[in-house]
Amino acid sequence: MSAWLPDFLDSFERHRADGELLYNEKRWANADHMYGMAAECGLKAVMVGLGMAVDSTGVPQRPHKVHVDHLWILFSTFATTQGAAAYAAMLPTANPFDDWSVNDRYAHRTNFVQGRVDTHRQGFVQVDEIVITAVMDGRI
């Protein structure tokens, strides 16, 4: 077990950078994984800034201890209840990650095509806009 506390903003930034590098190289499977992880870390960075409960090791408490395919929907409710409805409004209700799973990292690379990755990349871009806004607002 790591002694390092989670840094969701830094994780967001490095997963974003790796996702873009892999996307540009048409490495669809790993780009797809990075976009999902980046979006998840970005949402969690904002949620921590808004007061999301974490344990002593910095890990989110239930029900927020989930991956982006489930966190997408939870984010809007959480942000709204924390007085950040503007952030919730930036996130479309249609979840682009509803077909994404952290377990897809085990799938064969031929299962991943650019169209699927583009959908997840667009979801990541929407999260990126929220993160940028939250940083500018001083929330994270």
Protein backbone atom coordinates (compact mmCIF):
# COMPACT_ATOMS: atom_id res chain seq x y z
CA MET A 1 0.00 0.00 0.00
CA SER A 2 1.31 3.41 -0.96
CA ALA A 3 2.07 6.03 1.65
CA TRP A 4 1.35 8.77 -0.90
CA LEU A 5 -1.87 10.70 -0.60
CA PRO A 6 -3.98 11.01 -3.74
CA ASP A 7 -3.44 14.15 -5.78
CA PHE A 8 -6.43 14.11 -8.10
CA LEU A 9 -5.47 17.30 -9.93
CA ASP A 10 -1.98 16.06 -10.75
CA SER A 11 -3.40 12.66 -11.71
CA PHE A 12 -5.88 14.41 -13.98
CA GLU A 13 -3.09 16.37 -15.67
CA ARG A 14 -0.81 13.39 -16.28
CA HIS A 15 -3.60 11.10 -17.48
CA ARG A 16 -4.75 13.91 -19.79
CA ALA A 17 -1.24 14.32 -21.22
CA ASP A 18 -0.77 10.58 -21.69
CA GLY A 19 -4.22 10.23 -23.25
CA GLU A 20 -3.42 12.92 -25.80
CA LEU A 21 -0.04 11.38 -26.64
CA LEU A 22 -1.61 7.96 -27.12
CA TYR A 23 -4.52 9.38 -29.12
CA ASN A 24 -2.17 11.17 -31.48
CA GLU A 25 -0.33 7.89 -32.03
CA LYS A 26 -3.65 6.09 -32.69
CA ARG A 27 -3.11 3.87 -29.66
CA TRP A 28 -6.86 3.68 -29.12
CA ALA A 29 -7.03 1.16 -26.26
CA ASN A 30 -4.69 2.95 -23.90
CA ALA A 31 -5.86 6.42 -24.96
CA ASP A 32 -9.39 5.33 -24.09
CA HIS A 33 -8.29 4.14 -20.66
CA MET A 34 -6.40 7.37 -19.99
CA TYR A 35 -9.38 9.54 -20.94
CA GLY A 36 -11.61 7.67 -18.51
CA MET A 37 -9.05 7.91 -15.74
CA ALA A 38 -8.41 11.60 -16.49
CA ALA A 39 -12.11 12.42 -16.39
CA GLU A 40 -12.51 10.53 -13.12
CA CYS A 41 -9.54 12.27 -11.51
CA GLY A 42 -10.72 15.66 -12.76
CA LEU A 43 -14.19 15.20 -11.30
CA LYS A 44 -12.71 13.98 -8.01
CA ALA A 45 -10.32 16.96 -7.87
CA VAL A 46 -13.27 19.32 -8.17
CA MET A 47 -15.32 17.32 -5.68
CA VAL A 48 -12.52 17.37 -3.10
CA GLY A 49 -12.30 21.13 -3.60
CA LEU A 50 -16.03 21.32 -2.94
CA GLY A 51 -15.73 19.33 0.29
CA MET A 52 -16.16 15.69 -0.71
CA ALA A 53 -15.48 13.41 2.24
CA VAL A 54 -12.27 11.40 2.03
CA ASP A 55 -10.73 9.00 4.51
CA SER A 56 -7.41 9.51 6.31
CA THR A 57 -5.55 8.28 3.22
CA GLY A 58 -7.32 10.78 0.93
CA VAL A 59 -9.55 8.17 -0.70
CA PRO A 60 -13.16 9.26 -1.37
CA GLN A 61 -15.88 7.79 0.80
CA ARG A 62 -18.88 5.93 -0.58
CA PRO A 63 -20.84 6.65 -2.67
CA HIS A 64 -18.08 8.61 -4.45
CA LYS A 65 -15.50 5.82 -4.37
CA VAL A 66 -16.38 4.76 -7.92
CA HIS A 67 -15.00 5.11 -11.43
CA VAL A 68 -16.08 7.68 -14.01
CA ASP A 69 -18.79 5.52 -15.54
CA HIS A 70 -20.71 5.92 -12.24
CA LEU A 71 -19.14 9.15 -10.94
CA TRP A 72 -20.42 11.18 -13.92
CA ILE A 73 -24.00 11.06 -12.64
CA LEU A 74 -23.03 11.53 -8.98
CA PHE A 75 -21.00 14.64 -9.77
CA SER A 76 -23.97 16.79 -10.76
CA THR A 77 -25.92 16.04 -7.60
CA PHE A 78 -22.85 16.52 -5.40
CA ALA A 79 -21.82 19.81 -7.02
CA THR A 80 -25.36 21.18 -6.77
CA THR A 81 -25.66 20.31 -3.07
CA GLN A 82 -22.28 21.97 -2.45
CA GLY A 83 -23.37 25.29 -3.95
CA ALA A 84 -21.62 24.72 -7.27
CA ALA A 85 -24.59 24.23 -9.58
CA ALA A 86 -22.66 26.09 -12.29
CA TYR A 87 -20.18 23.20 -12.43
CA ALA A 88 -23.01 20.68 -12.57
CA ALA A 89 -24.57 22.62 -15.45
CA MET A 90 -21.32 22.31 -17.43
CA LEU A 91 -21.62 18.53 -17.42
CA PRO A 92 -24.19 17.12 -19.84
CA THR A 93 -26.64 14.67 -18.31
CA ALA A 94 -25.88 12.15 -21.07
CA ASN A 95 -22.93 10.18 -19.74
CA PRO A 96 -20.32 9.62 -22.49
CA PHE A 97 -18.63 7.07 -20.21
CA ASP A 98 -21.67 4.84 -19.72
CA ASP A 99 -19.97 2.20 -21.90
CA TRP A 100 -16.51 2.71 -20.36
CA SER A 101 -15.19 0.38 -17.67
CA VAL A 102 -11.95 0.40 -15.76
CA ASN A 103 -11.88 -3.34 -16.53
CA ASP A 104 -11.57 -2.57 -20.24
CA ARG A 105 -7.85 -2.27 -19.59
CA TYR A 106 -7.82 -6.06 -19.88
CA ALA A 107 -9.59 -6.11 -23.24
CA HIS A 108 -7.84 -6.84 -26.51
CA ARG A 109 -6.74 -3.71 -28.35
CA THR A 110 -8.78 -4.59 -31.44
CA ASN A 111 -11.94 -3.87 -29.42
CA PHE A 112 -11.11 -0.17 -29.45
CA VAL A 113 -11.87 2.01 -32.45
CA GLN A 114 -11.46 5.72 -32.92
CA GLY A 115 -15.20 6.47 -32.73
CA ARG A 116 -15.49 4.93 -29.29
CA VAL A 117 -12.40 6.76 -28.11
CA ASP A 118 -13.65 10.05 -29.59
CA THR A 119 -16.80 9.81 -27.46
CA HIS A 120 -14.74 9.32 -24.31
CA ARG A 121 -12.32 12.04 -25.38
CA GLN A 122 -15.22 14.47 -25.71
CA GLY A 123 -16.36 13.56 -22.21
CA PHE A 124 -12.85 14.21 -20.95
CA VAL A 125 -12.87 17.63 -22.69
CA GLN A 126 -16.08 18.53 -20.85
CA VAL A 127 -14.47 17.61 -17.54
CA ASP A 128 -11.37 19.60 -18.51
CA GLU A 129 -13.53 22.71 -18.86
CA ILE A 130 -14.93 22.20 -15.35
CA VAL A 131 -11.46 21.67 -13.90
CA ILE A 132 -10.16 24.84 -15.57
CA THR A 133 -13.12 26.80 -14.21
CA ALA A 134 -12.69 25.36 -10.70
CA VAL A 135 -8.97 26.26 -10.73
CA MET A 136 -9.76 29.79 -11.89
CA ASP A 137 -12.42 30.06 -9.16
CA GLY A 138 -9.85 28.96 -6.54
CA ARG A 139 -11.86 25.85 -5.63
CA ILE A 140 -8.91 23.55 -6.44
